Amino acid sequence: MSDRLSVLKTYKLYVGGKFPRSESGRVYEVTTKRSAADAAGKANWLANAPLASRKDARDAVVAARKAFGGWAGATAYNRGQVLYRVAEMLEGRRDQFVREVADAEGLGKSKAAAVVDATIDRWVWYAGWTDKIAQVVGGGNPVAGPFFNLSTPEPTGVVAVVAPQESSFLGLVSVVAPVIATGNTAVVVASEKAPLPALSLAEVLATSDVPGGVVNVLSGRTAEIAAPLAEHQDVNAIDLAGADEVLAKELEIAAADNLKRVLRPQPVDDWTATPGTDRMTAFLETKTVWHPTGSLGASGSAY
């Protein structure tokens, strides 16, 4: 037997590219989720996760707003490269995430491995969409007159994301990746019962090429963190994927104060299914530009 002491991991929030503890100093216990076959056993303690406060939520919005200009202004091709780099880093830490997902969701090792593989594939999938979504939702419009009329998608801004409660990793990536792929920045409220995969994902983001502030990860009581985000005047949109019916209604009412875009919870039977483009287009605005055509020479031909 080894006589060395275990080095227990300290999980922290991820705000503005840094790893602060909650300003409140609070933590809460995270335990394993018992599988059906292990229902008679006791849940084991995994870690103390930071219990984020309203102040932490406000700090995360400030960081997301600060990062928005640079991230939205980057080329779509560059964003795709950055997202692909995240997938590379996830692949390198695959075994760690298999363990964390198994504990978080009460899965066997083989099922947890399948979830992690699907999550990495999902990230690659969105990385490939960054420079293609504009061709799907934008383009030239036919108009009756001597004008060019072009529509192009632009990111909405700062998006608050209430991550799914049960799918702590695949569901998380499925709602976060489309937000940042299109140039938005995100403040993510991790699964309340299973936040550790999200907090570990933050470590991957920090060691890849994602600029600080593009994704900010908070853990704690979902309702406590989501409420100030829904009310915040500098949050442009909110995804309520992980909110129950009662909380979703409260957050939607709060979000109406500054006319946020709201994506209400949609039932997802299988997170492994191909997601389509809906979560990308949900947080895009369309800019349409008119430009007069010019005359070429005496013949009056136009271009």
Foldseek 3Di string as FASTA:
>chain_A
DDPDDDDADAFAWAAQLDGDAAPVNDWDWAWFDADPVRVVDDTHTRYTYGAHAQVNLVRLLVSQQVCQVVLQPDALLVLLVLLLQLLVLLVVCLVVQLVLQCRQQVDDSVVSSVLSVLQSVLSNVLSVCSNPVQVVPWAWDDDPAQKTKTKGKGFQEEEEEEFAQNSQGLRRSNQLSLNSSRRYAYEYEGHANRNVNVSVSSVSSSPTPNGGSSYTYDYHDSLRSLQSLLQDLSHQAYEPQHPDPVSQVVSVVNNPVNDHQYHGHDDDPDSSPDDPNVSNVSRIDMDMDMDGWDADPPVRDTD
